[in-house]
Amino acid sequence: MATVKRGELRQFQGAFSDTWAIKDTFNFGSIDDGNEEATAVTVSGVGLGDMVLGVASSVDVADLDLTANVTAANEVTFQLNNNTGGAIDLAAGEFTALVGRPNW
């Protein structure tokens, strides 16, 4: 179950009308070269047009590309892409993202 904190991050001096800090634990498993794994998190209130300002992991992502995007109303998707030349199996870890709703 994801942990979501809404509206507590106001350091952007009015650039965002709302914010969400998301933290969840995932175990993506083994990802073959040229493939990706994605998992969606329900985040009440986010919508298309909201921006993922940053994404991080508590485990070394071992040269995989880690991204997060708002993919639908109330949904943020975390994705790992593998273009390393071999399969990589990450340990389970906490993944975090910061989402902001632009105020422009």
Protein backbone atom coordinates (compact mmCIF):
# COMPACT_ATOMS: atom_id res chain seq x y z
CA MET A 1 0.00 0.00 0.00
CA ALA A 2 1.48 3.32 -1.07
CA THR A 3 2.04 6.15 1.39
CA VAL A 4 0.88 9.48 -0.05
CA LYS A 5 1.24 12.91 1.55
CA ARG A 6 -0.74 15.61 -0.19
CA GLY A 7 -0.13 19.34 -0.12
CA GLU A 8 2.65 19.38 2.48
CA LEU A 9 5.46 20.41 0.13
CA ARG A 10 5.17 24.13 -0.51
CA GLN A 11 8.79 25.08 -1.28
CA PHE A 12 8.01 26.03 -4.89
CA GLN A 13 6.69 29.53 -4.08
CA GLY A 14 3.35 29.20 -5.84
CA ALA A 15 4.53 27.28 -8.90
CA PHE A 16 2.32 24.34 -7.97
CA SER A 17 -1.24 24.45 -6.67
CA ASP A 18 -1.01 20.95 -5.15
CA THR A 19 1.68 18.36 -4.47
CA TRP A 20 1.86 14.67 -3.63
CA ALA A 21 4.80 12.80 -2.07
CA ILE A 22 4.53 9.09 -2.89
CA LYS A 23 6.40 6.20 -1.30
CA ASP A 24 5.81 2.50 -1.95
CA THR A 25 7.77 -0.76 -1.84
CA PHE A 26 8.20 -2.78 -5.04
CA ASN A 27 10.04 -5.89 -6.15
CA PHE A 28 10.30 -5.59 -9.92
CA GLY A 29 11.98 -8.99 -10.39
CA SER A 30 14.35 -9.85 -13.22
CA ILE A 31 14.22 -7.52 -16.24
CA ASP A 32 15.73 -8.81 -19.50
CA ASP A 33 17.79 -6.53 -21.74
CA GLY A 34 15.54 -4.44 -23.96
CA ASN A 35 12.52 -4.91 -21.69
CA GLU A 36 10.83 -2.86 -19.01
CA GLU A 37 8.75 -3.46 -15.92
CA ALA A 38 6.11 -1.06 -14.66
CA THR A 39 3.80 -0.87 -11.69
CA ALA A 40 0.98 1.58 -11.07
CA VAL A 41 0.12 3.22 -7.75
CA THR A 42 -3.26 4.72 -6.93
CA VAL A 43 -2.79 8.36 -5.91
CA SER A 44 -6.07 10.06 -5.20
CA GLY A 45 -6.36 13.45 -6.87
CA VAL A 46 -3.55 13.36 -9.44
CA GLY A 47 -4.48 13.88 -13.07
CA LEU A 48 -3.03 14.05 -16.54
CA GLY A 49 -1.02 17.25 -16.81
CA ASP A 50 0.44 16.89 -13.31
CA MET A 51 4.24 16.64 -13.30
CA VAL A 52 6.50 14.07 -11.68
CA LEU A 53 9.26 16.33 -10.39
CA GLY A 54 11.57 13.58 -9.21
CA VAL A 55 11.79 9.86 -8.61
CA ALA A 56 14.20 7.88 -6.43
CA SER A 57 14.88 4.40 -5.09
CA SER A 58 16.34 3.01 -1.88
CA VAL A 59 18.20 0.35 -3.91
CA ASP A 60 20.85 0.76 -6.60
CA VAL A 61 18.98 0.58 -9.91
CA ALA A 62 22.10 -0.89 -11.54
CA ASP A 63 22.15 1.31 -14.67
CA LEU A 64 18.44 0.80 -15.36
CA ASP A 65 16.38 3.86 -16.33
CA LEU A 66 13.91 4.70 -13.55
CA THR A 67 10.97 6.92 -14.44
CA ALA A 68 7.56 7.77 -13.03
CA ASN A 69 4.64 9.42 -14.80
CA VAL A 70 1.05 10.33 -14.15
CA THR A 71 -0.58 7.87 -16.56
CA ALA A 72 -4.28 8.41 -15.76
CA ALA A 73 -6.56 10.10 -13.27
CA ASN A 74 -5.57 8.92 -9.77
CA GLU A 75 -2.61 6.86 -11.09
CA VAL A 76 1.18 7.20 -11.06
CA THR A 77 3.24 4.53 -12.83
CA PHE A 78 6.82 3.69 -11.86
CA GLN A 79 8.86 2.08 -14.67
CA LEU A 80 12.31 0.51 -15.01
CA ASN A 81 13.83 0.16 -18.51
CA ASN A 82 16.76 -2.16 -19.13
CA ASN A 83 19.18 -1.32 -21.96
CA THR A 84 22.30 -2.66 -20.24
CA GLY A 85 23.00 -5.69 -22.44
CA GLY A 86 21.96 -8.30 -19.85
CA ALA A 87 19.23 -9.26 -17.44
CA ILE A 88 19.14 -7.43 -14.08
CA ASP A 89 17.25 -8.57 -11.00
CA LEU A 90 16.93 -5.80 -8.41
CA ALA A 91 16.26 -6.36 -4.75
CA ALA A 92 12.97 -5.09 -3.37
CA GLY A 93 13.13 -1.46 -2.32
CA GLU A 94 11.26 1.72 -1.55
CA PHE A 95 10.47 3.91 -4.52
CA THR A 96 9.49 7.55 -4.09
CA ALA A 97 8.18 10.29 -6.35
CA LEU A 98 7.15 13.91 -5.99
CA VAL A 99 4.21 15.06 -8.12
CA GLY A 100 3.15 18.68 -8.60
CA ARG A 101 0.16 20.32 -10.26
CA PRO A 102 1.40 23.33 -12.23
CA ASN A 103 -0.15 26.63 -11.23
CA TRP A 104 0.15 28.14 -14.71
